[in-house]
All heavy atoms as atom14 arrays in JSON, in Angstrom:
{
  "sequence": "GVLIDNEIIEPNAQHVAAYKELVNQAPDLQNVSFIWHQLTS",
  "atom14_mask": [
    [1, 1, 1, 1, 0, 0, 0, 0, 0, 0, 0, 0, 0, 0],
    [1, 1, 1, 1, 1, 1, 1, 0, 0, 0, 0, 0, 0, 0],
    [1, 1, 1, 1, 1, 1, 1, 1, 0, 0, 0, 0, 0, 0],
    [1, 1, 1, 1, 1, 1, 1, 1, 0, 0, 0, 0, 0, 0],
    [1, 1, 1, 1, 1, 1, 1, 1, 0, 0, 0, 0, 0, 0],
    [1, 1, 1, 1, 1, 1, 1, 1, 0, 0, 0, 0, 0, 0],
    [1, 1, 1, 1, 1, 1, 1, 1, 1, 0, 0, 0, 0, 0],
    [1, 1, 1, 1, 1, 1, 1, 1, 0, 0, 0, 0, 0, 0],
    [1, 1, 1, 1, 1, 1, 1, 1, 0, 0, 0, 0, 0, 0],
    [1, 1, 1, 1, 1, 1, 1, 1, 1, 0, 0, 0, 0, 0],
    [1, 1, 1, 1, 1, 1, 1, 0, 0, 0, 0, 0, 0, 0],
    [1, 1, 1, 1, 1, 1, 1, 1, 0, 0, 0, 0, 0, 0],
    [1, 1, 1, 1, 1, 0, 0, 0, 0, 0, 0, 0, 0, 0],
    [1, 1, 1, 1, 1, 1, 1, 1, 1, 0, 0, 0, 0, 0],
    [1, 1, 1, 1, 1, 1, 1, 1, 1, 1, 0, 0, 0, 0],
    [1, 1, 1, 1, 1, 1, 1, 0, 0, 0, 0, 0, 0, 0],
    [1, 1, 1, 1, 1, 0, 0, 0, 0, 0, 0, 0, 0, 0],
    [1, 1, 1, 1, 1, 0, 0, 0, 0, 0, 0, 0, 0, 0],
    [1, 1, 1, 1, 1, 1, 1, 1, 1, 1, 1, 1, 0, 0],
    [1, 1, 1, 1, 1, 1, 1, 1, 1, 0, 0, 0, 0, 0],
    [1, 1, 1, 1, 1, 1, 1, 1, 1, 0, 0, 0, 0, 0],
    [1, 1, 1, 1, 1, 1, 1, 1, 0, 0, 0, 0, 0, 0],
    [1, 1, 1, 1, 1, 1, 1, 0, 0, 0, 0, 0, 0, 0],
    [1, 1, 1, 1, 1, 1, 1, 1, 0, 0, 0, 0, 0, 0],
    [1, 1, 1, 1, 1, 1, 1, 1, 1, 0, 0, 0, 0, 0],
    [1, 1, 1, 1, 1, 0, 0, 0, 0, 0, 0, 0, 0, 0],
    [1, 1, 1, 1, 1, 1, 1, 0, 0, 0, 0, 0, 0, 0],
    [1, 1, 1, 1, 1, 1, 1, 1, 0, 0, 0, 0, 0, 0],
    [1, 1, 1, 1, 1, 1, 1, 1, 0, 0, 0, 0, 0, 0],
    [1, 1, 1, 1, 1, 1, 1, 1, 1, 0, 0, 0, 0, 0],
    [1, 1, 1, 1, 1, 1, 1, 1, 0, 0, 0, 0, 0, 0],
    [1, 1, 1, 1, 1, 1, 1, 0, 0, 0, 0, 0, 0, 0],
    [1, 1, 1, 1, 1, 1, 0, 0, 0, 0, 0, 0, 0, 0],
    [1, 1, 1, 1, 1, 1, 1, 1, 1, 1, 1, 0, 0, 0],
    [1, 1, 1, 1, 1, 1, 1, 1, 0, 0, 0, 0, 0, 0],
    [1, 1, 1, 1, 1, 1, 1, 1, 1, 1, 1, 1, 1, 1],
    [1, 1, 1, 1, 1, 1, 1, 1, 1, 1, 0, 0, 0, 0],
    [1, 1, 1, 1, 1, 1, 1, 1, 1, 0, 0, 0, 0, 0],
    [1, 1, 1, 1, 1, 1, 1, 1, 0, 0, 0, 0, 0, 0],
    [1, 1, 1, 1, 1, 1, 1, 0, 0, 0, 0, 0, 0, 0],
    [1, 1, 1, 1, 1, 1, 0, 0, 0, 0, 0, 0, 0, 0]
  ],
  "atom14_positions": [
    [[-48.34, -68.94, 77.78], [-48.93, -68.38, 79.0], [-48.51, -66.97, 79.31], [-49.1, -66.32, 80.17], [0.0, 0.0, 0.0], [0.0, 0.0, 0.0], [0.0, 0.0, 0.0], [0.0, 0.0, 0.0], [0.0, 0.0, 0.0], [0.0, 0.0, 0.0], [0.0, 0.0, 0.0], [0.0, 0.0, 0.0], [0.0, 0.0, 0.0], [0.0, 0.0, 0.0]],
    [[-47.48, -66.46, 78.62], [-47.01, -65.1, 78.89], [-47.92, -64.1, 78.19], [-48.38, -64.34, 77.07], [-45.54, -64.94, 78.41], [-45.11, -63.49, 78.45], [-44.62, -65.8, 79.25], [0.0, 0.0, 0.0], [0.0, 0.0, 0.0], [0.0, 0.0, 0.0], [0.0, 0.0, 0.0], [0.0, 0.0, 0.0], [0.0, 0.0, 0.0], [0.0, 0.0, 0.0]],
    [[-48.21, -62.99, 78.84], [-49.04, -61.96, 78.22], [-48.22, -61.19, 77.19], [-47.02, -60.93, 77.4], [-49.55, -60.98, 79.29], [-50.43, -61.57, 80.4], [-50.74, -60.51, 81.44], [-51.72, -62.11, 79.8], [0.0, 0.0, 0.0], [0.0, 0.0, 0.0], [0.0, 0.0, 0.0], [0.0, 0.0, 0.0], [0.0, 0.0, 0.0], [0.0, 0.0, 0.0]],
    [[-48.84, -60.83, 76.09], [-48.2, -60.02, 75.06], [-48.97, -58.73, 74.9], [-50.16, -58.73, 74.59], [-48.13, -60.78, 73.71], [-47.3, -62.05, 73.86], [-47.54, -59.88, 72.62], [-47.3, -62.94, 72.64], [0.0, 0.0, 0.0], [0.0, 0.0, 0.0], [0.0, 0.0, 0.0], [0.0, 0.0, 0.0], [0.0, 0.0, 0.0], [0.0, 0.0, 0.0]],
    [[-48.29, -57.61, 75.16], [-48.88, -56.28, 75.04], [-48.43, -55.72, 73.7], [-47.27, -55.34, 73.54], [-48.38, -55.41, 76.2], [-48.99, -54.03, 76.2], [-49.69, -53.69, 75.22], [-48.73, -53.27, 77.15], [0.0, 0.0, 0.0], [0.0, 0.0, 0.0], [0.0, 0.0, 0.0], [0.0, 0.0, 0.0], [0.0, 0.0, 0.0], [0.0, 0.0, 0.0]],
    [[-49.33, -55.72, 72.72], [-48.98, -55.38, 71.33], [-49.53, -54.0, 70.97], [-50.72, -53.79, 70.97], [-49.53, -56.44, 70.4], [-49.09, -56.22, 68.97], [-47.9, -56.0, 68.7], [-50.01, -56.3, 68.02], [0.0, 0.0, 0.0], [0.0, 0.0, 0.0], [0.0, 0.0, 0.0], [0.0, 0.0, 0.0], [0.0, 0.0, 0.0], [0.0, 0.0, 0.0]],
    [[-48.62, -53.06, 70.64], [-49.03, -51.75, 70.16], [-48.69, -51.6, 68.69], [-47.69, -52.15, 68.24], [-48.36, -50.64, 71.0], [-48.79, -50.68, 72.47], [-48.54, -49.37, 73.21], [-48.43, -48.32, 72.54], [-48.43, -49.42, 74.44], [0.0, 0.0, 0.0], [0.0, 0.0, 0.0], [0.0, 0.0, 0.0], [0.0, 0.0, 0.0], [0.0, 0.0, 0.0]],
    [[-49.52, -50.86, 67.99], [-49.38, -50.76, 66.55], [-49.42, -49.28, 66.13], [-50.27, -48.52, 66.6], [-50.55, -51.47, 65.82], [-50.58, -52.96, 66.19], [-50.49, -51.29, 64.33], [-51.67, -53.32, 67.18], [0.0, 0.0, 0.0], [0.0, 0.0, 0.0], [0.0, 0.0, 0.0], [0.0, 0.0, 0.0], [0.0, 0.0, 0.0], [0.0, 0.0, 0.0]],
    [[-48.46, -48.91, 65.28], [-48.47, -47.57, 64.66], [-48.79, -47.76, 63.2], [-48.04, -48.42, 62.46], [-47.1, -46.87, 64.84], [-46.72, -46.74, 66.29], [-47.09, -45.52, 64.14], [-45.25, -46.34, 66.53], [0.0, 0.0, 0.0], [0.0, 0.0, 0.0], [0.0, 0.0, 0.0], [0.0, 0.0, 0.0], [0.0, 0.0, 0.0], [0.0, 0.0, 0.0]],
    [[-49.9, -47.2, 62.75], [-50.33, -47.35, 61.36], [-51.22, -46.16, 60.99], [-52.28, -45.99, 61.57], [-51.07, -48.67, 61.15], [-51.72, -48.82, 59.8], [-50.75, -48.61, 58.63], [-49.69, -49.27, 58.6], [-51.04, -47.75, 57.76], [0.0, 0.0, 0.0], [0.0, 0.0, 0.0], [0.0, 0.0, 0.0], [0.0, 0.0, 0.0], [0.0, 0.0, 0.0]],
    [[-50.8, -45.32, 60.04], [-51.58, -44.12, 59.71], [-52.81, -44.36, 58.86], [-53.73, -43.53, 58.85], [-50.57, -43.24, 58.95], [-49.61, -44.21, 58.37], [-49.52, -45.36, 59.32], [0.0, 0.0, 0.0], [0.0, 0.0, 0.0], [0.0, 0.0, 0.0], [0.0, 0.0, 0.0], [0.0, 0.0, 0.0], [0.0, 0.0, 0.0], [0.0, 0.0, 0.0]],
    [[-52.88, -45.47, 58.14], [-53.96, -45.71, 57.19], [-55.19, -46.28, 57.92], [-55.15, -47.4, 58.45], [-53.49, -46.67, 56.1], [-54.48, -46.86, 54.99], [-55.65, -47.15, 55.24], [-54.04, -46.69, 53.76], [0.0, 0.0, 0.0], [0.0, 0.0, 0.0], [0.0, 0.0, 0.0], [0.0, 0.0, 0.0], [0.0, 0.0, 0.0], [0.0, 0.0, 0.0]],
    [[-56.29, -45.53, 57.92], [-57.5, -45.93, 58.66], [-58.06, -47.27, 58.14], [-58.54, -48.09, 58.94], [-58.56, -44.85, 58.55], [0.0, 0.0, 0.0], [0.0, 0.0, 0.0], [0.0, 0.0, 0.0], [0.0, 0.0, 0.0], [0.0, 0.0, 0.0], [0.0, 0.0, 0.0], [0.0, 0.0, 0.0], [0.0, 0.0, 0.0], [0.0, 0.0, 0.0]],
    [[-58.02, -47.47, 56.83], [-58.52, -48.73, 56.26], [-57.69, -49.92, 56.71], [-58.22, -50.99, 57.0], [-58.54, -48.64, 54.74], [-59.62, -47.71, 54.19], [-59.55, -47.6, 52.69], [-58.5, -47.27, 52.12], [-60.65, -47.88, 52.03], [0.0, 0.0, 0.0], [0.0, 0.0, 0.0], [0.0, 0.0, 0.0], [0.0, 0.0, 0.0], [0.0, 0.0, 0.0]],
    [[-56.36, -49.72, 56.79], [-55.49, -50.79, 57.24], [-55.76, -51.11, 58.72], [-55.77, -52.27, 59.12], [-54.03, -50.39, 57.05], [-53.6, -50.41, 55.62], [-52.35, -49.98, 55.19], [-54.25, -50.82, 54.49], [-52.26, -50.12, 53.9], [-53.39, -50.63, 53.45], [0.0, 0.0, 0.0], [0.0, 0.0, 0.0], [0.0, 0.0, 0.0], [0.0, 0.0, 0.0]],
    [[-55.94, -50.07, 59.53], [-56.24, -50.28, 60.95], [-57.55, -51.08, 61.1], [-57.62, -52.04, 61.89], [-56.34, -48.93, 61.69], [-56.89, -49.14, 63.1], [-54.97, -48.26, 61.76], [0.0, 0.0, 0.0], [0.0, 0.0, 0.0], [0.0, 0.0, 0.0], [0.0, 0.0, 0.0], [0.0, 0.0, 0.0], [0.0, 0.0, 0.0], [0.0, 0.0, 0.0]],
    [[-58.56, -50.72, 60.33], [-59.84, -51.42, 60.38], [-59.68, -52.89, 59.99], [-60.26, -53.79, 60.64], [-60.88, -50.73, 59.5], [0.0, 0.0, 0.0], [0.0, 0.0, 0.0], [0.0, 0.0, 0.0], [0.0, 0.0, 0.0], [0.0, 0.0, 0.0], [0.0, 0.0, 0.0], [0.0, 0.0, 0.0], [0.0, 0.0, 0.0], [0.0, 0.0, 0.0]],
    [[-58.9, -53.15, 58.95], [-58.7, -54.51, 58.5], [-57.91, -55.32, 59.56], [-58.2, -56.51, 59.77], [-57.91, -54.51, 57.18], [0.0, 0.0, 0.0], [0.0, 0.0, 0.0], [0.0, 0.0, 0.0], [0.0, 0.0, 0.0], [0.0, 0.0, 0.0], [0.0, 0.0, 0.0], [0.0, 0.0, 0.0], [0.0, 0.0, 0.0], [0.0, 0.0, 0.0]],
    [[-56.94, -54.69, 60.19], [-56.16, -55.33, 61.26], [-57.09, -55.69, 62.41], [-57.06, -56.84, 62.92], [-55.06, -54.36, 61.72], [-53.95, -54.93, 62.57], [-52.67, -54.41, 62.5], [-54.17, -55.98, 63.46], [-51.62, -54.9, 63.27], [-53.14, -56.48, 64.24], [-51.87, -55.94, 64.14], [-50.85, -56.42, 64.92], [0.0, 0.0, 0.0], [0.0, 0.0, 0.0]],
    [[-57.93, -54.79, 62.82], [-58.86, -55.06, 63.93], [-59.79, -56.2, 63.6], [-60.09, -57.05, 64.46], [-59.66, -53.77, 64.27], [-58.84, -52.69, 64.93], [-59.68, -51.46, 65.24], [-58.86, -50.38, 65.98], [-59.65, -49.16, 66.25], [0.0, 0.0, 0.0], [0.0, 0.0, 0.0], [0.0, 0.0, 0.0], [0.0, 0.0, 0.0], [0.0, 0.0, 0.0]],
    [[-60.25, -56.25, 62.35], [-61.14, -57.33, 61.92], [-60.41, -58.68, 61.97], [-60.98, -59.7, 62.37], [-61.66, -57.04, 60.5], [-62.66, -58.05, 60.0], [-63.9, -58.2, 60.86], [-64.29, -57.2, 61.54], [-64.48, -59.32, 60.89], [0.0, 0.0, 0.0], [0.0, 0.0, 0.0], [0.0, 0.0, 0.0], [0.0, 0.0, 0.0], [0.0, 0.0, 0.0]],
    [[-59.15, -58.66, 61.59], [-58.33, -59.89, 61.65], [-58.21, -60.39, 63.07], [-58.32, -61.6, 63.34], [-56.93, -59.58, 61.06], [-56.15, -60.68, 60.42], [-56.9, -61.31, 59.25], [-54.79, -60.16, 59.96], [0.0, 0.0, 0.0], [0.0, 0.0, 0.0], [0.0, 0.0, 0.0], [0.0, 0.0, 0.0], [0.0, 0.0, 0.0], [0.0, 0.0, 0.0]],
    [[-58.01, -59.46, 64.0], [-57.92, -59.83, 65.42], [-59.25, -60.37, 65.93], [-59.31, -61.37, 66.66], [-57.48, -58.59, 66.26], [-57.6, -58.87, 67.76], [-56.03, -58.21, 65.91], [0.0, 0.0, 0.0], [0.0, 0.0, 0.0], [0.0, 0.0, 0.0], [0.0, 0.0, 0.0], [0.0, 0.0, 0.0], [0.0, 0.0, 0.0], [0.0, 0.0, 0.0]],
    [[-60.35, -59.74, 65.52], [-61.67, -60.17, 65.95], [-61.98, -61.6, 65.51], [-62.73, -62.33, 66.16], [-62.77, -59.23, 65.41], [-62.72, -57.88, 66.1], [-62.22, -57.73, 67.2], [-63.24, -56.86, 65.4], [0.0, 0.0, 0.0], [0.0, 0.0, 0.0], [0.0, 0.0, 0.0], [0.0, 0.0, 0.0], [0.0, 0.0, 0.0], [0.0, 0.0, 0.0]],
    [[-61.38, -62.0, 64.39], [-61.65, -63.34, 63.85], [-60.68, -64.4, 64.35], [-60.77, -65.56, 63.95], [-61.61, -63.29, 62.32], [-62.72, -62.45, 61.68], [-62.55, -62.28, 60.19], [-61.63, -62.82, 59.59], [-63.47, -61.55, 59.58], [0.0, 0.0, 0.0], [0.0, 0.0, 0.0], [0.0, 0.0, 0.0], [0.0, 0.0, 0.0], [0.0, 0.0, 0.0]],
    [[-59.74, -64.0, 65.21], [-58.71, -64.95, 65.67], [-59.02, -65.4, 67.09], [-58.94, -64.61, 68.04], [-57.33, -64.26, 65.62], [0.0, 0.0, 0.0], [0.0, 0.0, 0.0], [0.0, 0.0, 0.0], [0.0, 0.0, 0.0], [0.0, 0.0, 0.0], [0.0, 0.0, 0.0], [0.0, 0.0, 0.0], [0.0, 0.0, 0.0], [0.0, 0.0, 0.0]],
    [[-59.36, -66.67, 67.27], [-59.72, -67.18, 68.61], [-58.52, -67.48, 69.5], [-58.68, -67.77, 70.68], [-60.5, -68.45, 68.29], [-59.92, -68.93, 67.02], [-59.51, -67.71, 66.24], [0.0, 0.0, 0.0], [0.0, 0.0, 0.0], [0.0, 0.0, 0.0], [0.0, 0.0, 0.0], [0.0, 0.0, 0.0], [0.0, 0.0, 0.0], [0.0, 0.0, 0.0]],
    [[-57.31, -67.44, 68.94], [-56.13, -67.9, 69.68], [-55.28, -66.75, 70.25], [-54.13, -66.92, 70.57], [-55.24, -68.75, 68.75], [-54.81, -67.99, 67.51], [-55.48, -67.02, 67.14], [-53.77, -68.38, 66.93], [0.0, 0.0, 0.0], [0.0, 0.0, 0.0], [0.0, 0.0, 0.0], [0.0, 0.0, 0.0], [0.0, 0.0, 0.0], [0.0, 0.0, 0.0]],
    [[-55.9, -65.56, 70.39], [-55.12, -64.4, 70.85], [-55.59, -63.9, 72.22], [-55.51, -62.71, 72.51], [-55.21, -63.27, 69.81], [-54.68, -63.59, 68.41], [-55.01, -62.47, 67.44], [-53.18, -63.86, 68.44], [0.0, 0.0, 0.0], [0.0, 0.0, 0.0], [0.0, 0.0, 0.0], [0.0, 0.0, 0.0], [0.0, 0.0, 0.0], [0.0, 0.0, 0.0]],
    [[-56.06, -64.85, 73.07], [-56.63, -64.43, 74.36], [-55.62, -63.71, 75.26], [-55.99, -62.82, 76.02], [-57.19, -65.64, 75.13], [-58.3, -66.39, 74.41], [-57.74, -67.56, 73.58], [-56.57, -67.59, 73.22], [-58.59, -68.53, 73.3], [0.0, 0.0, 0.0], [0.0, 0.0, 0.0], [0.0, 0.0, 0.0], [0.0, 0.0, 0.0], [0.0, 0.0, 0.0]],
    [[-54.38, -64.1, 75.17], [-53.36, -63.51, 76.05], [-52.65, -62.32, 75.43], [-51.57, -61.93, 75.86], [-52.3, -64.57, 76.43], [-52.84, -65.52, 77.5], [-53.88, -65.26, 78.11], [-52.13, -66.62, 77.71], [0.0, 0.0, 0.0], [0.0, 0.0, 0.0], [0.0, 0.0, 0.0], [0.0, 0.0, 0.0], [0.0, 0.0, 0.0], [0.0, 0.0, 0.0]],
    [[-53.27, -61.76, 74.39], [-52.65, -60.64, 73.69], [-53.57, -59.43, 73.78], [-54.76, -59.51, 73.49], [-52.4, -60.99, 72.19], [-51.61, -59.85, 71.54], [-51.69, -62.31, 72.07], [0.0, 0.0, 0.0], [0.0, 0.0, 0.0], [0.0, 0.0, 0.0], [0.0, 0.0, 0.0], [0.0, 0.0, 0.0], [0.0, 0.0, 0.0], [0.0, 0.0, 0.0]],
    [[-53.01, -58.27, 74.16], [-53.76, -57.02, 74.16], [-53.29, -56.18, 72.98], [-52.12, -56.25, 72.57], [-53.57, -56.25, 75.47], [-52.2, -55.89, 75.63], [0.0, 0.0, 0.0], [0.0, 0.0, 0.0], [0.0, 0.0, 0.0], [0.0, 0.0, 0.0], [0.0, 0.0, 0.0], [0.0, 0.0, 0.0], [0.0, 0.0, 0.0], [0.0, 0.0, 0.0]],
    [[-54.21, -55.37, 72.44], [-53.9, -54.58, 71.26], [-54.23, -53.11, 71.51], [-55.31, -52.8, 71.98], [-54.7, -55.07, 70.05], [-54.29, -56.44, 69.56], [-54.86, -57.58, 70.11], [-53.35, -56.59, 68.55], [-54.49, -58.85, 69.68], [-52.98, -57.84, 68.1], [-53.55, -58.98, 68.66], [0.0, 0.0, 0.0], [0.0, 0.0, 0.0], [0.0, 0.0, 0.0]],
    [[-53.29, -52.26, 71.14], [-53.53, -50.81, 71.15], [-53.08, -50.27, 69.79], [-51.94, -50.48, 69.4], [-52.77, -50.08, 72.27], [-53.19, -50.59, 73.65], [-52.96, -48.57, 72.18], [-52.34, -50.06, 74.8], [0.0, 0.0, 0.0], [0.0, 0.0, 0.0], [0.0, 0.0, 0.0], [0.0, 0.0, 0.0], [0.0, 0.0, 0.0], [0.0, 0.0, 0.0]],
    [[-54.0, -49.63, 69.09], [-53.66, -49.05, 67.77], [-53.46, -47.54, 67.9], [-54.23, -46.85, 68.54], [-54.79, -49.3, 66.77], [-54.82, -50.7, 66.26], [-54.17, -51.2, 65.17], [-55.54, -51.82, 66.82], [-54.47, -52.54, 65.01], [-55.3, -52.94, 66.0], [-56.37, -51.95, 67.95], [-55.85, -54.19, 66.27], [-56.92, -53.2, 68.21], [-56.67, -54.31, 67.38]],
    [[-52.39, -47.06, 67.28], [-52.14, -45.61, 67.17], [-52.26, -45.26, 65.68], [-51.38, -45.64, 64.9], [-50.73, -45.26, 67.67], [-50.44, -45.73, 69.07], [-50.82, -45.01, 70.18], [-49.81, -46.84, 69.52], [-50.45, -45.65, 71.26], [-49.82, -46.77, 70.89], [0.0, 0.0, 0.0], [0.0, 0.0, 0.0], [0.0, 0.0, 0.0], [0.0, 0.0, 0.0]],
    [[-53.34, -44.6, 65.32], [-53.48, -44.23, 63.89], [-52.68, -42.97, 63.62], [-53.18, -41.85, 63.53], [-54.97, -44.04, 63.56], [-55.21, -44.0, 62.04], [-56.65, -43.74, 61.69], [-57.53, -44.37, 62.23], [-56.87, -42.81, 60.78], [0.0, 0.0, 0.0], [0.0, 0.0, 0.0], [0.0, 0.0, 0.0], [0.0, 0.0, 0.0], [0.0, 0.0, 0.0]],
    [[-51.39, -43.17, 63.5], [-50.41, -42.08, 63.37], [-49.3, -42.53, 62.43], [-49.08, -43.72, 62.24], [-49.79, -41.76, 64.74], [-50.69, -41.35, 65.9], [-49.89, -41.4, 67.21], [-51.23, -39.94, 65.68], [0.0, 0.0, 0.0], [0.0, 0.0, 0.0], [0.0, 0.0, 0.0], [0.0, 0.0, 0.0], [0.0, 0.0, 0.0], [0.0, 0.0, 0.0]],
    [[-48.57, -41.56, 61.88], [-47.32, -41.89, 61.21], [-46.25, -42.11, 62.3], [-46.46, -41.76, 63.46], [-46.85, -40.76, 60.3], [-46.53, -39.62, 61.11], [-47.92, -40.38, 59.28], [0.0, 0.0, 0.0], [0.0, 0.0, 0.0], [0.0, 0.0, 0.0], [0.0, 0.0, 0.0], [0.0, 0.0, 0.0], [0.0, 0.0, 0.0], [0.0, 0.0, 0.0]],
    [[-45.14, -42.7, 61.92], [-44.08, -42.92, 62.9], [-43.58, -41.59, 63.45], [-43.25, -41.48, 64.63], [-42.93, -43.73, 62.28], [-42.39, -43.04, 61.17], [0.0, 0.0, 0.0], [0.0, 0.0, 0.0], [0.0, 0.0, 0.0], [0.0, 0.0, 0.0], [0.0, 0.0, 0.0], [0.0, 0.0, 0.0], [0.0, 0.0, 0.0], [0.0, 0.0, 0.0]]
  ]
}
């Protein structure tokens, strides 16, 4: 029941796209928010 605010740092555009697709296909992540930063560390 706790909210999870998940931020991601990943420079590779293809990897970011694949990650987003994985999230789109996951029905059990309703309480999780995602922010992607397409950047190096």
